Amino acid sequence: MTMIDTSPHGYQLREVAPNFTANSSTAVGQYLQEHIGRQLQEHFVVLSLNAALEVISLDTIAIGQITGVNVMPREVFQIALLNNAASIIITHNHPSGHVLPSQTDNKFTQRLKKLSDMMHLPLRDHFIVSGKCYYSYAENEQL
């Protein structure tokens, strides 16, 4: 079920209880390819997980341009805390089709990882997806 929530800062796309378990990188990567891989603008999405790795909510917290999206760590953790998440997965798409992370992607991921460790809210993975493939930081041992 997809809903559009309004907030003082605009609109947020939210898929509540998508009936999906994030227990393998391959399954998550393929799910995200279908969900945001073919978008024409960059979308930044937070998957809030319960302790059994079931997806509680899938929230699009930012939509950018064809070459980037601006996200603040506060926005990521705010939605995770509001969803009472036990852990999170973050993801964004690359409309170009190239899924290798940029230096900006790497710096942002490391910053979120450090903050998530401090908050005891594990960042399980960061996926970069296109319509044809995905990149998983955890699979590539970068998280």
C-alpha atoms as a PDB file:
ATOM      1  CA  MET A   1       0.000   0.000   0.000  1.00  0.00           C
ATOM      2  CA  THR A   2       1.526   3.313  -1.046  1.00  0.00           C
ATOM      3  CA  MET A   3       0.558   6.525   0.672  1.00  0.00           C
ATOM      4  CA  ILE A   4       1.583  10.133   0.215  1.00  0.00           C
ATOM      5  CA  ASP A   5       2.063  11.849   3.564  1.00  0.00           C
ATOM      6  CA  THR A   6       2.291  15.597   3.907  1.00  0.00           C
ATOM      7  CA  SER A   7       4.683  17.277   6.253  1.00  0.00           C
ATOM      8  CA  PRO A   8       5.657  20.901   6.871  1.00  0.00           C
ATOM      9  CA  HIS A   9       8.510  20.333   4.396  1.00  0.00           C
ATOM     10  CA  GLY A  10       6.521  18.812   1.539  1.00  0.00           C
ATOM     11  CA  TYR A  11       5.411  15.351   0.519  1.00  0.00           C
ATOM     12  CA  GLN A  12       6.844  11.961   1.367  1.00  0.00           C
ATOM     13  CA  LEU A  13       6.156   8.768  -0.533  1.00  0.00           C
ATOM     14  CA  ARG A  14       5.629   5.884   1.828  1.00  0.00           C
ATOM     15  CA  GLU A  15       4.987   2.212   1.278  1.00  0.00           C
ATOM     16  CA  VAL A  16       3.711   0.741   4.526  1.00  0.00           C
ATOM     17  CA  ALA A  17       4.317  -2.940   5.299  1.00  0.00           C
ATOM     18  CA  PRO A  18       5.405  -3.959   1.788  1.00  0.00           C
ATOM     19  CA  ASN A  19       5.402  -7.651   2.854  1.00  0.00           C
ATOM     20  CA  PHE A  20       9.094  -8.125   2.166  1.00  0.00           C
ATOM     21  CA  THR A  21      11.916  -9.614   4.242  1.00  0.00           C
ATOM     22  CA  ALA A  22      15.435  -8.233   3.777  1.00  0.00           C
ATOM     23  CA  ASN A  23      17.317 -11.449   4.509  1.00  0.00           C
ATOM     24  CA  SER A  24      19.591 -11.515   1.438  1.00  0.00           C
ATOM     25  CA  SER A  25      21.406  -8.859  -0.556  1.00  0.00           C
ATOM     26  CA  THR A  26      20.293 -10.416  -3.821  1.00  0.00           C
ATOM     27  CA  ALA A  27      16.602 -10.298  -2.868  1.00  0.00           C
ATOM     28  CA  VAL A  28      16.863  -6.707  -1.628  1.00  0.00           C
ATOM     29  CA  GLY A  29      18.862  -5.585  -4.675  1.00  0.00           C
ATOM     30  CA  GLN A  30      16.353  -7.103  -7.091  1.00  0.00           C
ATOM     31  CA  TYR A  31      13.401  -5.657  -5.167  1.00  0.00           C
ATOM     32  CA  LEU A  32      14.966  -2.178  -5.240  1.00  0.00           C
ATOM     33  CA  GLN A  33      15.814  -2.442  -8.942  1.00  0.00           C
ATOM     34  CA  GLU A  34      12.124  -2.969  -9.629  1.00  0.00           C
ATOM     35  CA  HIS A  35      11.000  -0.346  -7.120  1.00  0.00           C
ATOM     36  CA  ILE A  36      13.261   2.637  -7.965  1.00  0.00           C
ATOM     37  CA  GLY A  37      15.799   1.409 -10.534  1.00  0.00           C
ATOM     38  CA  ARG A  38      14.122   2.948 -13.556  1.00  0.00           C
ATOM     39  CA  GLN A  39      13.286   6.340 -12.061  1.00  0.00           C
ATOM     40  CA  LEU A  40      14.446   9.292 -14.161  1.00  0.00           C
ATOM     41  CA  GLN A  41      15.562  11.305 -11.114  1.00  0.00           C
ATOM     42  CA  GLU A  42      17.563  10.149  -8.113  1.00  0.00           C
ATOM     43  CA  HIS A  43      15.372   8.866  -5.283  1.00  0.00           C
ATOM     44  CA  PHE A  44      16.726   8.328  -1.775  1.00  0.00           C
ATOM     45  CA  VAL A  45      14.835   5.655   0.153  1.00  0.00           C
ATOM     46  CA  VAL A  46      15.016   4.308   3.707  1.00  0.00           C
ATOM     47  CA  LEU A  47      13.900   0.761   4.462  1.00  0.00           C
ATOM     48  CA  SER A  48      12.986   0.442   8.134  1.00  0.00           C
ATOM     49  CA  LEU A  49      13.382  -3.118   9.403  1.00  0.00           C
ATOM     50  CA  ASN A  50      12.107  -4.913  12.482  1.00  0.00           C
ATOM     51  CA  ALA A  51      14.252  -7.378  14.459  1.00  0.00           C
ATOM     52  CA  ALA A  52      13.270 -10.219  12.094  1.00  0.00           C
ATOM     53  CA  LEU A  53      14.518  -8.151   9.094  1.00  0.00           C
ATOM     54  CA  GLU A  54      10.973  -7.665   7.840  1.00  0.00           C
ATOM     55  CA  VAL A  55      10.469  -4.338   6.099  1.00  0.00           C
ATOM     56  CA  ILE A  56       8.175  -2.196   8.255  1.00  0.00           C
ATOM     57  CA  SER A  57       8.142   0.708   5.853  1.00  0.00           C
ATOM     58  CA  LEU A  58       9.816   1.902   2.696  1.00  0.00           C
ATOM     59  CA  ASP A  59      10.059   5.705   2.699  1.00  0.00           C
ATOM     60  CA  THR A  60      11.229   7.921  -0.148  1.00  0.00           C
ATOM     61  CA  ILE A  61      12.690  10.821   1.790  1.00  0.00           C
ATOM     62  CA  ALA A  62      14.132  12.797  -1.121  1.00  0.00           C
ATOM     63  CA  ILE A  63      13.832  13.107  -4.879  1.00  0.00           C
ATOM     64  CA  GLY A  64      16.600  14.959  -6.651  1.00  0.00           C
ATOM     65  CA  GLN A  65      17.738  15.583 -10.185  1.00  0.00           C
ATOM     66  CA  ILE A  66      19.282  13.264 -12.764  1.00  0.00           C
ATOM     67  CA  THR A  67      22.755  13.574 -11.218  1.00  0.00           C
ATOM     68  CA  GLY A  68      22.159  13.868  -7.490  1.00  0.00           C
ATOM     69  CA  VAL A  69      19.900  14.102  -4.485  1.00  0.00           C
ATOM     70  CA  ASN A  70      20.413  16.048  -1.260  1.00  0.00           C
ATOM     71  CA  VAL A  71      19.799  14.184   1.980  1.00  0.00           C
ATOM     72  CA  MET A  72      20.668  15.079   5.547  1.00  0.00           C
ATOM     73  CA  PRO A  73      21.460  12.303   8.063  1.00  0.00           C
ATOM     74  CA  ARG A  74      18.802  13.747  10.342  1.00  0.00           C
ATOM     75  CA  GLU A  75      16.111  12.888   7.759  1.00  0.00           C
ATOM     76  CA  VAL A  76      17.304   9.286   7.554  1.00  0.00           C
ATOM     77  CA  PHE A  77      17.301   8.705  11.291  1.00  0.00           C
ATOM     78  CA  GLN A  78      14.131  10.671  11.916  1.00  0.00           C
ATOM     79  CA  ILE A  79      12.111   8.323   9.709  1.00  0.00           C
ATOM     80  CA  ALA A  80      13.791   5.235  11.189  1.00  0.00           C
ATOM     81  CA  LEU A  81      12.994   6.348  14.732  1.00  0.00           C
ATOM     82  CA  LEU A  82       9.405   7.255  13.849  1.00  0.00           C
ATOM     83  CA  ASN A  83       9.013   3.759  12.370  1.00  0.00           C
ATOM     84  CA  ASN A  84      10.525   2.206  15.516  1.00  0.00           C
ATOM     85  CA  ALA A  85      13.064   0.424  13.315  1.00  0.00           C
ATOM     86  CA  ALA A  86      15.505  -2.103  14.755  1.00  0.00           C
ATOM     87  CA  SER A  87      17.830  -1.458  11.783  1.00  0.00           C
ATOM     88  CA  ILE A  88      17.802   0.245   8.403  1.00  0.00           C
ATOM     89  CA  ILE A  89      18.889  -0.144   4.807  1.00  0.00           C
ATOM     90  CA  ILE A  90      19.378   2.954   2.687  1.00  0.00           C
ATOM     91  CA  THR A  91      19.256   3.086  -1.072  1.00  0.00           C
ATOM     92  CA  HIS A  92      19.279   5.429  -3.999  1.00  0.00           C
ATOM     93  CA  ASN A  93      19.161   5.000  -7.735  1.00  0.00           C
ATOM     94  CA  HIS A  94      21.536   6.209 -10.410  1.00  0.00           C
ATOM     95  CA  PRO A  95      19.514   7.190 -13.502  1.00  0.00           C
ATOM     96  CA  SER A  96      22.717   6.933 -15.572  1.00  0.00           C
ATOM     97  CA  GLY A  97      22.668   3.154 -15.098  1.00  0.00           C
ATOM     98  CA  HIS A  98      26.166   3.141 -13.575  1.00  0.00           C
ATOM     99  CA  VAL A  99      25.922   1.802 -10.034  1.00  0.00           C
ATOM    100  CA  LEU A 100      29.487   2.149  -8.796  1.00  0.00           C
ATOM    101  CA  PRO A 101      29.487   4.568  -5.843  1.00  0.00           C
ATOM    102  CA  SER A 102      30.934   8.039  -6.181  1.00  0.00           C
ATOM    103  CA  GLN A 103      33.246   9.555  -3.580  1.00  0.00           C
ATOM    104  CA  THR A 104      30.256  11.557  -2.354  1.00  0.00           C
ATOM    105  CA  ASP A 105      28.271   8.313  -1.958  1.00  0.00           C
ATOM    106  CA  ASN A 106      31.163   6.762  -0.016  1.00  0.00           C
ATOM    107  CA  LYS A 107      31.599   9.732   2.315  1.00  0.00           C
ATOM    108  CA  PHE A 108      27.867   9.959   3.037  1.00  0.00           C
ATOM    109  CA  THR A 109      27.650   6.213   3.705  1.00  0.00           C
ATOM    110  CA  GLN A 110      30.569   6.291   6.132  1.00  0.00           C
ATOM    111  CA  ARG A 111      29.063   9.288   7.904  1.00  0.00           C
ATOM    112  CA  LEU A 112      25.711   7.492   8.279  1.00  0.00           C
ATOM    113  CA  LYS A 113      27.465   4.312   9.434  1.00  0.00           C
ATOM    114  CA  LYS A 114      29.305   6.211  12.156  1.00  0.00           C
ATOM    115  CA  LEU A 115      26.098   7.903  13.322  1.00  0.00           C
ATOM    116  CA  SER A 116      24.107   4.667  13.206  1.00  0.00           C
ATOM    117  CA  ASP A 117      26.711   2.964  15.396  1.00  0.00           C
ATOM    118  CA  MET A 118      26.482   5.802  17.911  1.00  0.00           C
ATOM    119  CA  MET A 119      22.688   5.522  17.956  1.00  0.00           C
ATOM    120  CA  HIS A 120      22.662   1.704  18.201  1.00  0.00           C
ATOM    121  CA  LEU A 121      20.476   1.654  15.095  1.00  0.00           C
ATOM    122  CA  PRO A 122      22.414  -0.578  12.678  1.00  0.00           C
ATOM    123  CA  LEU A 123      22.859   0.499   9.077  1.00  0.00           C
ATOM    124  CA  ARG A 124      22.735  -2.938   7.426  1.00  0.00           C
ATOM    125  CA  ASP A 125      23.479  -1.890   3.871  1.00  0.00           C
ATOM    126  CA  HIS A 126      23.455   0.861   1.286  1.00  0.00           C
ATOM    127  CA  PHE A 127      22.299  -0.093  -2.195  1.00  0.00           C
ATOM    128  CA  ILE A 128      22.808   1.869  -5.384  1.00  0.00           C
ATOM    129  CA  VAL A 129      20.490   0.594  -8.087  1.00  0.00           C
ATOM    130  CA  SER A 130      19.628   0.999 -11.739  1.00  0.00           C
ATOM    131  CA  GLY A 131      17.035  -0.839 -13.778  1.00  0.00           C
ATOM    132  CA  LYS A 132      19.560  -3.556 -14.675  1.00  0.00           C
ATOM    133  CA  CYS A 133      21.861  -4.016 -11.691  1.00  0.00           C
ATOM    134  CA  TYR A 134      22.678  -3.017  -8.134  1.00  0.00           C
ATOM    135  CA  TYR A 135      25.660  -2.309  -5.911  1.00  0.00           C
ATOM    136  CA  SER A 136      25.638  -3.389  -2.264  1.00  0.00           C
ATOM    137  CA  TYR A 137      28.110  -1.822   0.170  1.00  0.00           C
ATOM    138  CA  ALA A 138      27.780  -4.834   2.482  1.00  0.00           C
ATOM    139  CA  GLU A 139      28.431  -7.344  -0.316  1.00  0.00           C
ATOM    140  CA  ASN A 140      31.520  -5.355  -1.262  1.00  0.00           C
ATOM    141  CA  GLU A 141      32.655  -5.169   2.374  1.00  0.00           C
ATOM    142  CA  GLN A 142      32.526  -1.375   2.426  1.00  0.00           C
ATOM    143  CA  LEU A 143      30.209  -1.094   5.385  1.00  0.00           C
END
